[in-house]
Amino acid sequence: MKAVIIAGGLGTRLQPYTTFLPKPMLPLGEKPILEHLIGWSKKNGIKSIVICVSYLRKSIEDYFEDGKKFGVNIEYAISNKPLATAGQLKTAAKLIDDTFVCMYGDSIYGFNLRNMIKQHNRTKSFVTMSLKEYKTKLPYGVIETTKNNRVTAWKEKPEIKANINMGCYIMEPGIFKFIPKDKPYGMDSVIKNAMSRKKIISGFISKNEFIDIGDKESYERANNEFIRKLGNI
């Protein structure tokens, strides 16, 4: 099985850090984000990696080369313009002929990928999405009413829960048929399209934390945490 890592975004919300480095190459502790992802894939038994590159791609290619020094085999799928998440994935189509893992190159995962793959195969899913239960406390009182506006309950600043997408998927190669070629296209559109065609989309829910490097603040928090852990070794 191969893992496809989407690593071609511009990282505009991380400027100025991404002026000279693509987001997946930003360091977390002593290693770039992408190296953490490759190490996690290898730990879970996947040693064949496809990296979808675009923005400042030479810094990725020069660092990882063919992957041998990291104990994996690396191939590159190249685009010359930003294509969003699914559009970047489409560039790897010629390198994929079986069930594969797809992950975003700006997150760190801690769940058991082997178990996710087992669930995907057992349920015969078209796509399995990694999900995390997210909790947040509303800053307002919530008033519940009936259809004729009679108030039935007042819940002061309740906690709400929802499953959020962690950005790691197990996919069947047929997914590429749902992605237009050479066009910016989001993963949400692909999944919704597949659902409308009655494809089986499953969720793998994990309680393990994951780190989403979305902006400067989240990156700085994550990097400081990795540096702190290094200091405690």
Protein backbone atom coordinates (compact mmCIF):
# COMPACT_ATOMS: atom_id res chain seq x y z
CA MET A 1 0.00 0.00 0.00
CA LYS A 2 1.16 3.53 -0.80
CA ALA A 3 0.68 6.75 1.11
CA VAL A 4 0.07 9.98 -0.80
CA ILE A 5 1.06 13.16 1.05
CA ILE A 6 -0.40 16.42 -0.27
CA ALA A 7 2.37 18.96 0.10
CA GLY A 8 1.83 21.56 -2.63
CA GLY A 9 -0.02 24.38 -0.89
CA LEU A 10 1.19 27.98 -0.70
CA GLY A 11 0.90 28.27 3.09
CA THR A 12 -0.24 31.90 2.88
CA ARG A 13 -1.54 31.94 6.47
CA LEU A 14 1.95 31.04 7.69
CA GLN A 15 3.76 33.97 6.10
CA PRO A 16 6.54 35.00 6.59
CA TYR A 17 7.62 31.46 7.63
CA THR A 18 6.63 30.09 4.23
CA THR A 19 8.38 32.75 2.15
CA PHE A 20 11.36 30.48 1.55
CA LEU A 21 10.05 27.11 2.76
CA PRO A 22 6.86 25.23 1.84
CA LYS A 23 4.65 24.59 4.86
CA PRO A 24 5.43 20.84 5.08
CA MET A 25 9.13 21.69 5.47
CA LEU A 26 8.68 23.93 8.51
CA PRO A 27 10.51 22.41 11.47
CA LEU A 28 8.78 20.84 14.44
CA GLY A 29 11.59 20.35 16.91
CA GLU A 30 14.50 18.86 14.98
CA LYS A 31 12.55 17.61 11.94
CA PRO A 32 10.31 19.15 9.27
CA ILE A 33 6.60 18.37 9.44
CA LEU A 34 6.90 16.12 6.39
CA GLU A 35 9.58 13.97 8.00
CA HIS A 36 7.31 13.38 10.99
CA LEU A 37 4.57 12.23 8.59
CA ILE A 38 6.89 9.90 6.71
CA GLY A 39 8.11 8.43 10.00
CA TRP A 40 4.51 7.88 11.14
CA SER A 41 3.66 6.15 7.85
CA LYS A 42 6.70 3.90 8.15
CA LYS A 43 5.83 3.06 11.77
CA ASN A 44 2.42 1.91 10.52
CA GLY A 45 3.92 -0.35 7.87
CA ILE A 46 3.79 1.93 4.82
CA LYS A 47 7.16 2.41 3.16
CA SER A 48 6.09 3.55 -0.31
CA ILE A 49 5.33 7.28 -0.38
CA VAL A 50 4.10 9.64 -3.09
CA ILE A 51 4.54 13.33 -2.30
CA CYS A 52 2.40 15.78 -4.29
CA VAL A 53 4.56 18.88 -4.67
CA SER A 54 4.26 22.31 -6.24
CA TYR A 55 5.24 25.47 -4.32
CA LEU A 56 9.02 25.55 -3.59
CA ARG A 57 9.10 21.86 -4.42
CA LYS A 58 12.90 21.66 -4.81
CA SER A 59 13.38 22.10 -1.08
CA ILE A 60 11.29 18.94 -0.54
CA GLU A 61 12.90 16.95 -3.35
CA ASP A 62 16.44 17.91 -2.33
CA TYR A 63 15.84 17.01 1.32
CA PHE A 64 14.09 13.65 0.85
CA GLU A 65 15.42 12.58 -2.56
CA ASP A 66 14.29 8.97 -3.22
CA GLY A 67 13.64 8.32 0.47
CA LYS A 68 16.35 5.68 1.01
CA LYS A 69 18.02 7.51 3.89
CA PHE A 70 14.63 7.57 5.64
CA GLY A 71 13.97 3.87 5.05
CA VAL A 72 11.20 4.40 2.51
CA ASN A 73 10.72 4.76 -1.24
CA ILE A 74 9.57 8.21 -2.39
CA GLU A 75 8.06 9.25 -5.71
CA TYR A 76 6.94 12.76 -6.64
CA ALA A 77 3.78 13.98 -8.35
CA ILE A 78 4.36 17.51 -9.63
CA SER A 79 2.03 20.38 -10.50
CA ASN A 80 3.06 23.83 -11.65
CA LYS A 81 0.21 25.68 -9.96
CA PRO A 82 -1.87 25.44 -6.78
CA LEU A 83 -4.68 22.90 -7.18
CA ALA A 84 -6.17 22.68 -3.66
CA THR A 85 -6.27 19.38 -1.78
CA ALA A 86 -8.08 17.06 -4.22
CA GLY A 87 -6.59 18.76 -7.27
CA GLN A 88 -3.12 18.01 -5.91
CA LEU A 89 -4.13 14.42 -5.19
CA LYS A 90 -5.19 14.01 -8.83
CA THR A 91 -1.57 14.52 -9.91
CA ALA A 92 -0.69 11.20 -8.23
CA ALA A 93 -3.27 9.18 -10.19
CA LYS A 94 -0.73 7.52 -12.51
CA LEU A 95 1.27 6.29 -9.53
CA ILE A 96 -1.67 4.62 -7.76
CA ASP A 97 -3.34 1.34 -8.75
CA ASP A 98 -4.64 -0.01 -5.43
CA THR A 99 -6.10 1.05 -2.08
CA PHE A 100 -4.00 3.90 -0.68
CA VAL A 101 -3.63 6.31 2.23
CA CYS A 102 -4.00 10.03 1.56
CA MET A 103 -2.95 12.65 4.10
CA TYR A 104 -2.46 16.38 4.29
CA GLY A 105 1.13 17.52 4.63
CA ASP A 106 0.42 20.05 7.36
CA SER A 107 -0.84 17.80 10.17
CA ILE A 108 0.70 15.44 12.72
CA TYR A 109 -1.21 12.27 13.55
CA GLY A 110 -1.02 9.96 16.54
CA PHE A 111 -3.71 7.37 15.90
CA ASN A 112 -3.26 3.74 14.81
CA LEU A 113 -3.26 3.82 11.01
CA ARG A 114 -3.10 0.01 10.81
CA ASN A 115 -6.46 -0.21 12.59
CA MET A 116 -7.95 2.37 10.25
CA ILE A 117 -6.83 0.32 7.24
CA LYS A 118 -8.30 -2.85 8.78
CA GLN A 119 -11.64 -1.09 9.32
CA HIS A 120 -11.62 0.20 5.73
CA ASN A 121 -11.09 -3.30 4.35
CA ARG A 122 -13.62 -4.89 6.70
CA THR A 123 -16.39 -2.43 5.81
CA LYS A 124 -15.53 -2.47 2.08
CA SER A 125 -15.61 1.32 2.08
CA PHE A 126 -14.82 3.54 -0.89
CA VAL A 127 -13.32 6.15 1.43
CA THR A 128 -12.59 6.04 5.16
CA MET A 129 -12.06 9.40 6.84
CA SER A 130 -10.09 9.92 10.05
CA LEU A 131 -12.30 11.75 12.55
CA LYS A 132 -11.69 13.33 15.93
CA GLU A 133 -14.36 14.19 18.50
CA TYR A 134 -14.12 17.94 19.03
CA LYS A 135 -15.64 19.65 22.05
CA THR A 136 -16.23 23.34 22.54
CA LYS A 137 -18.18 25.42 25.04
CA LEU A 138 -20.59 27.98 23.62
CA PRO A 139 -20.19 31.46 25.14
CA TYR A 140 -23.96 32.03 25.20
CA GLY A 141 -27.04 30.54 26.76
CA VAL A 142 -28.91 28.24 24.35
CA ILE A 143 -32.70 28.47 24.31
CA GLU A 144 -34.65 25.51 22.96
CA THR A 145 -38.13 26.09 21.50
CA THR A 146 -40.94 24.15 19.88
CA LYS A 147 -42.23 24.78 16.34
CA ASN A 148 -44.69 27.36 17.68
CA ASN A 149 -41.89 29.13 19.58
CA ARG A 150 -42.71 27.95 23.08
CA VAL A 151 -39.54 27.92 25.17
CA THR A 152 -38.83 24.43 26.52
CA ALA A 153 -35.30 24.72 27.93
CA TRP A 154 -32.54 27.14 28.79
CA LYS A 155 -29.02 25.67 28.70
CA GLU A 156 -26.44 28.10 29.94
CA LYS A 157 -23.20 27.97 27.94
CA PRO A 158 -23.45 24.28 27.03
CA GLU A 159 -20.64 22.11 25.70
CA ILE A 160 -21.23 20.78 22.21
CA LYS A 161 -19.54 17.87 20.46
CA ALA A 162 -18.91 17.12 16.80
CA ASN A 163 -16.69 14.85 14.72
CA ILE A 164 -14.10 16.83 12.77
CA ASN A 165 -12.00 15.75 9.80
CA MET A 166 -8.32 15.16 10.61
CA GLY A 167 -7.28 15.07 6.96
CA CYS A 168 -6.13 11.47 6.65
CA TYR A 169 -8.05 9.07 4.39
CA ILE A 170 -7.99 5.50 3.13
CA MET A 171 -9.19 5.58 -0.48
CA GLU A 172 -9.89 3.30 -3.38
CA PRO A 173 -8.26 4.33 -6.69
CA GLY A 174 -11.71 4.92 -8.19
CA ILE A 175 -11.72 8.21 -6.25
CA PHE A 176 -9.67 9.80 -9.06
CA LYS A 177 -12.71 9.64 -11.35
CA PHE A 178 -14.40 12.16 -9.07
CA ILE A 179 -11.59 14.75 -9.39
CA PRO A 180 -11.26 17.02 -12.44
CA LYS A 181 -7.82 17.23 -14.01
CA ASP A 182 -5.59 20.30 -13.71
CA LYS A 183 -8.20 22.28 -11.79
CA PRO A 184 -8.29 23.53 -8.17
CA TYR A 185 -10.68 21.21 -6.35
CA GLY A 186 -11.37 20.64 -2.67
CA MET A 187 -11.51 17.29 -0.90
CA ASP A 188 -14.91 18.18 0.56
CA SER A 189 -16.36 18.38 -2.96
CA VAL A 190 -14.93 14.97 -3.83
CA ILE A 191 -16.38 13.29 -0.73
CA LYS A 192 -19.79 14.92 -1.20
CA ASN A 193 -19.80 13.87 -4.86
CA ALA A 194 -18.96 10.28 -3.92
CA MET A 195 -21.71 10.27 -1.30
CA SER A 196 -24.24 11.50 -3.88
CA ARG A 197 -23.25 8.50 -6.04
CA LYS A 198 -24.06 6.17 -3.09
CA LYS A 199 -20.43 5.24 -2.46
CA ILE A 200 -19.67 3.93 1.05
CA ILE A 201 -17.93 6.68 3.06
CA SER A 202 -16.92 5.59 6.55
CA GLY A 203 -15.46 7.37 9.54
CA PHE A 204 -12.64 6.10 11.76
CA ILE A 205 -13.02 7.91 15.07
CA SER A 206 -9.93 8.38 17.21
CA LYS A 207 -9.50 9.83 20.68
CA ASN A 208 -5.82 10.49 20.06
CA GLU A 209 -4.77 14.09 19.58
CA PHE A 210 -3.65 15.44 16.24
CA ILE A 211 -1.93 18.70 15.36
CA ASP A 212 -3.22 20.89 12.54
CA ILE A 213 -0.67 23.48 11.38
CA GLY A 214 -3.11 26.00 9.98
CA ASP A 215 -1.63 29.41 10.81
CA LYS A 216 1.29 31.10 12.54
CA GLU A 217 -0.18 30.72 16.02
CA SER A 218 -0.86 26.98 15.68
CA TYR A 219 2.60 26.42 14.18
CA GLU A 220 4.37 28.31 16.95
CA ARG A 221 2.44 26.37 19.62
CA ALA A 222 3.28 23.05 17.98
CA ASN A 223 6.94 23.88 17.47
CA ASN A 224 7.33 25.05 21.07
CA GLU A 225 5.73 21.81 22.27
CA PHE A 226 8.13 19.68 20.19
CA ILE A 227 11.10 21.70 21.43
CA ARG A 228 9.90 21.25 25.03
CA LYS A 229 9.65 17.48 24.52
CA LEU A 230 13.20 17.40 23.13
CA GLY A 231 14.40 19.20 26.26
CA ASN A 232 12.82 16.53 28.46
CA ILE A 233 14.54 13.60 26.71
